[in-house]
Amino acid sequence: MERSRQKLNKLLSAFIRHSGGIVVRHKVLESCMPGHYCRDGVHLSAGGTDIFNLGLADGIGRALCLGVGGAPG
């Protein structure tokens, strides 16, 4: 399952980049540090959610600076 998820993420990332979009990587969360996840090892803890949201905010900021994702016109 993990291998399939990684392959799908890689394909989607390439497609989005090729389409002129921005891909947000959450490298800190990829290491699966115990403090970033709940006991189930799947769901993010409060700290992990903060890291995830900060990564999204950074990606949105980068997209706005580059003018990516706007309506054609």
N, C-alpha and C. Protein backbone atom coordinates (compact mmCIF):
# COMPACT_ATOMS: atom_id res chain seq x y z
N MET A 1 0.82 -1.19 0.00
CA MET A 1 0.00 0.00 0.00
C MET A 1 0.87 1.26 0.00
N GLU A 2 1.90 1.28 0.82
CA GLU A 2 2.78 2.45 0.90
C GLU A 2 3.47 2.71 -0.43
N ARG A 3 3.90 1.65 -1.08
CA ARG A 3 4.57 1.81 -2.38
C ARG A 3 3.61 2.39 -3.42
N SER A 4 2.37 1.93 -3.39
CA SER A 4 1.35 2.46 -4.32
C SER A 4 1.08 3.93 -4.05
N ARG A 5 1.01 4.32 -2.78
CA ARG A 5 0.77 5.72 -2.42
C ARG A 5 1.91 6.59 -2.90
N GLN A 6 3.14 6.12 -2.71
CA GLN A 6 4.31 6.90 -3.14
C GLN A 6 4.33 7.05 -4.66
N LYS A 7 4.00 5.98 -5.37
CA LYS A 7 3.99 6.04 -6.83
C LYS A 7 2.92 7.02 -7.33
N LEU A 8 1.73 6.95 -6.74
CA LEU A 8 0.65 7.86 -7.12
C LEU A 8 1.04 9.31 -6.84
N ASN A 9 1.62 9.57 -5.66
CA ASN A 9 2.05 10.93 -5.32
C ASN A 9 3.09 11.44 -6.31
N LYS A 10 4.00 10.59 -6.72
CA LYS A 10 5.04 10.99 -7.67
C LYS A 10 4.43 11.33 -9.03
N LEU A 11 3.50 10.50 -9.49
CA LEU A 11 2.84 10.76 -10.78
C LEU A 11 2.01 12.05 -10.74
N LEU A 12 1.25 12.24 -9.67
CA LEU A 12 0.43 13.44 -9.55
C LEU A 12 1.30 14.69 -9.43
N SER A 13 2.40 14.60 -8.70
CA SER A 13 3.31 15.74 -8.57
C SER A 13 3.86 16.15 -9.92
N ALA A 14 4.27 15.16 -10.71
CA ALA A 14 4.81 15.45 -12.04
C ALA A 14 3.74 16.09 -12.92
N PHE A 15 2.52 15.58 -12.86
CA PHE A 15 1.43 16.14 -13.66
C PHE A 15 1.14 17.59 -13.26
N ILE A 16 1.07 17.84 -11.97
CA ILE A 16 0.77 19.20 -11.49
C ILE A 16 1.87 20.17 -11.89
N ARG A 17 3.12 19.77 -11.73
CA ARG A 17 4.24 20.63 -12.12
C ARG A 17 4.22 20.90 -13.63
N HIS A 18 3.96 19.85 -14.40
CA HIS A 18 3.90 19.97 -15.86
C HIS A 18 2.76 20.91 -16.28
N SER A 19 1.70 20.95 -15.48
CA SER A 19 0.55 21.80 -15.77
C SER A 19 0.75 23.23 -15.27
N GLY A 20 1.91 23.50 -14.69
CA GLY A 20 2.21 24.85 -14.20
C GLY A 20 1.81 25.10 -12.77
N GLY A 21 1.46 24.06 -12.06
CA GLY A 21 1.05 24.21 -10.66
C GLY A 21 2.22 24.07 -9.70
N ILE A 22 1.91 24.18 -8.44
CA ILE A 22 2.91 24.06 -7.38
C ILE A 22 2.55 22.86 -6.52
N VAL A 23 3.55 22.09 -6.16
CA VAL A 23 3.37 20.93 -5.30
C VAL A 23 3.94 21.28 -3.93
N VAL A 24 3.16 21.07 -2.89
CA VAL A 24 3.60 21.34 -1.52
C VAL A 24 4.06 20.02 -0.91
N ARG A 25 5.34 19.96 -0.58
CA ARG A 25 5.88 18.77 0.09
C ARG A 25 5.97 19.05 1.58
N HIS A 26 5.59 18.10 2.36
CA HIS A 26 5.67 18.21 3.81
C HIS A 26 6.79 17.29 4.28
N LYS A 27 8.03 17.69 3.97
CA LYS A 27 9.18 16.84 4.23
C LYS A 27 9.33 16.50 5.71
N VAL A 28 9.00 17.45 6.57
CA VAL A 28 9.12 17.20 8.01
C VAL A 28 8.19 16.07 8.42
N LEU A 29 7.03 15.98 7.82
CA LEU A 29 6.06 14.95 8.18
C LEU A 29 6.37 13.61 7.52
N GLU A 30 7.20 13.60 6.48
CA GLU A 30 7.54 12.35 5.80
C GLU A 30 8.39 11.44 6.67
N SER A 31 9.07 12.00 7.66
CA SER A 31 9.94 11.19 8.51
C SER A 31 9.15 10.38 9.53
N CYS A 32 7.84 10.63 9.65
CA CYS A 32 6.96 9.89 10.57
C CYS A 32 7.43 9.96 12.02
N MET A 33 7.86 11.13 12.45
CA MET A 33 8.28 11.29 13.84
C MET A 33 7.07 11.07 14.74
N PRO A 34 7.24 10.33 15.83
CA PRO A 34 6.10 10.00 16.69
C PRO A 34 5.32 11.21 17.20
N GLY A 35 5.97 12.32 17.50
CA GLY A 35 5.28 13.49 18.02
C GLY A 35 4.38 14.18 17.02
N HIS A 36 4.56 13.87 15.75
CA HIS A 36 3.75 14.51 14.72
C HIS A 36 2.45 13.76 14.45
N TYR A 37 2.33 12.56 14.97
CA TYR A 37 1.16 11.72 14.69
C TYR A 37 0.48 11.27 15.99
N CYS A 38 -0.80 10.97 15.89
CA CYS A 38 -1.53 10.40 17.02
C CYS A 38 -1.05 8.96 17.24
N ARG A 39 -1.55 8.34 18.27
CA ARG A 39 -1.13 6.97 18.60
C ARG A 39 -1.38 5.98 17.48
N ASP A 40 -2.39 6.24 16.65
CA ASP A 40 -2.70 5.30 15.57
C ASP A 40 -1.66 5.34 14.46
N GLY A 41 -0.78 6.36 14.47
CA GLY A 41 0.27 6.46 13.46
C GLY A 41 -0.21 6.94 12.11
N VAL A 42 -1.47 7.30 12.01
CA VAL A 42 -2.06 7.73 10.75
C VAL A 42 -2.46 9.20 10.80
N HIS A 43 -3.21 9.57 11.82
CA HIS A 43 -3.73 10.93 11.94
C HIS A 43 -2.69 11.84 12.58
N LEU A 44 -2.70 13.10 12.15
CA LEU A 44 -1.76 14.07 12.68
C LEU A 44 -2.16 14.52 14.08
N SER A 45 -1.15 14.74 14.92
CA SER A 45 -1.37 15.33 16.23
C SER A 45 -1.60 16.83 16.05
N ALA A 46 -1.83 17.54 17.14
CA ALA A 46 -2.01 19.00 17.05
C ALA A 46 -0.76 19.64 16.46
N GLY A 47 0.41 19.21 16.92
CA GLY A 47 1.66 19.75 16.38
C GLY A 47 1.86 19.40 14.92
N GLY A 48 1.51 18.17 14.55
CA GLY A 48 1.61 17.75 13.16
C GLY A 48 0.67 18.53 12.26
N THR A 49 -0.52 18.81 12.77
CA THR A 49 -1.48 19.61 12.01
C THR A 49 -0.96 21.03 11.80
N ASP A 50 -0.32 21.59 12.83
CA ASP A 50 0.27 22.92 12.69
C ASP A 50 1.34 22.93 11.60
N ILE A 51 2.20 21.91 11.60
CA ILE A 51 3.25 21.82 10.58
C ILE A 51 2.63 21.69 9.19
N PHE A 52 1.61 20.85 9.07
CA PHE A 52 0.91 20.67 7.80
C PHE A 52 0.32 21.99 7.30
N ASN A 53 -0.37 22.70 8.19
CA ASN A 53 -1.00 23.97 7.81
C ASN A 53 0.02 25.04 7.45
N LEU A 54 1.15 25.09 8.16
CA LEU A 54 2.20 26.04 7.82
C LEU A 54 2.77 25.73 6.43
N GLY A 55 2.90 24.45 6.11
CA GLY A 55 3.37 24.06 4.78
C GLY A 55 2.40 24.49 3.69
N LEU A 56 1.11 24.32 3.95
CA LEU A 56 0.10 24.77 2.98
C LEU A 56 0.15 26.28 2.81
N ALA A 57 0.27 27.01 3.91
CA ALA A 57 0.34 28.47 3.84
C ALA A 57 1.56 28.90 3.03
N ASP A 58 2.68 28.22 3.22
CA ASP A 58 3.89 28.53 2.46
C ASP A 58 3.66 28.27 0.97
N GLY A 59 3.04 27.15 0.65
CA GLY A 59 2.76 26.82 -0.75
C GLY A 59 1.82 27.82 -1.40
N ILE A 60 0.81 28.25 -0.67
CA ILE A 60 -0.12 29.26 -1.19
C ILE A 60 0.62 30.57 -1.43
N GLY A 61 1.48 30.93 -0.49
CA GLY A 61 2.28 32.16 -0.65
C GLY A 61 3.17 32.10 -1.87
N ARG A 62 3.82 30.95 -2.08
CA ARG A 62 4.68 30.79 -3.26
C ARG A 62 3.86 30.87 -4.54
N ALA A 63 2.69 30.24 -4.54
CA ALA A 63 1.84 30.27 -5.73
C ALA A 63 1.38 31.69 -6.05
N LEU A 64 1.03 32.44 -5.03
CA LEU A 64 0.59 33.83 -5.24
C LEU A 64 1.73 34.69 -5.79
N CYS A 65 2.93 34.47 -5.28
CA CYS A 65 4.09 35.24 -5.76
C CYS A 65 4.39 34.92 -7.22
N LEU A 66 4.15 33.68 -7.61
CA LEU A 66 4.43 33.27 -8.99
C LEU A 66 3.24 33.48 -9.92
N GLY A 67 2.11 33.83 -9.37
CA GLY A 67 0.91 34.02 -10.19
C GLY A 67 0.35 32.73 -10.72
N VAL A 68 0.53 31.63 -9.98
CA VAL A 68 0.06 30.31 -10.41
C VAL A 68 -1.38 30.11 -9.96
N GLY A 69 -2.18 29.49 -10.82
CA GLY A 69 -3.52 29.07 -10.44
C GLY A 69 -4.61 30.10 -10.63
N GLY A 70 -4.28 31.21 -11.23
CA GLY A 70 -5.30 32.23 -11.47
C GLY A 70 -6.23 31.84 -12.61
N ALA A 71 -7.34 32.49 -12.66
CA ALA A 71 -8.28 32.24 -13.75
C ALA A 71 -7.72 32.79 -15.05
N PRO A 72 -7.89 32.06 -16.15
CA PRO A 72 -7.40 32.56 -17.44
C PRO A 72 -8.13 33.85 -17.81
N GLY A 73 -7.39 34.73 -18.41
CA GLY A 73 -8.10 35.92 -18.76
C GLY A 73 -7.25 36.91 -19.36
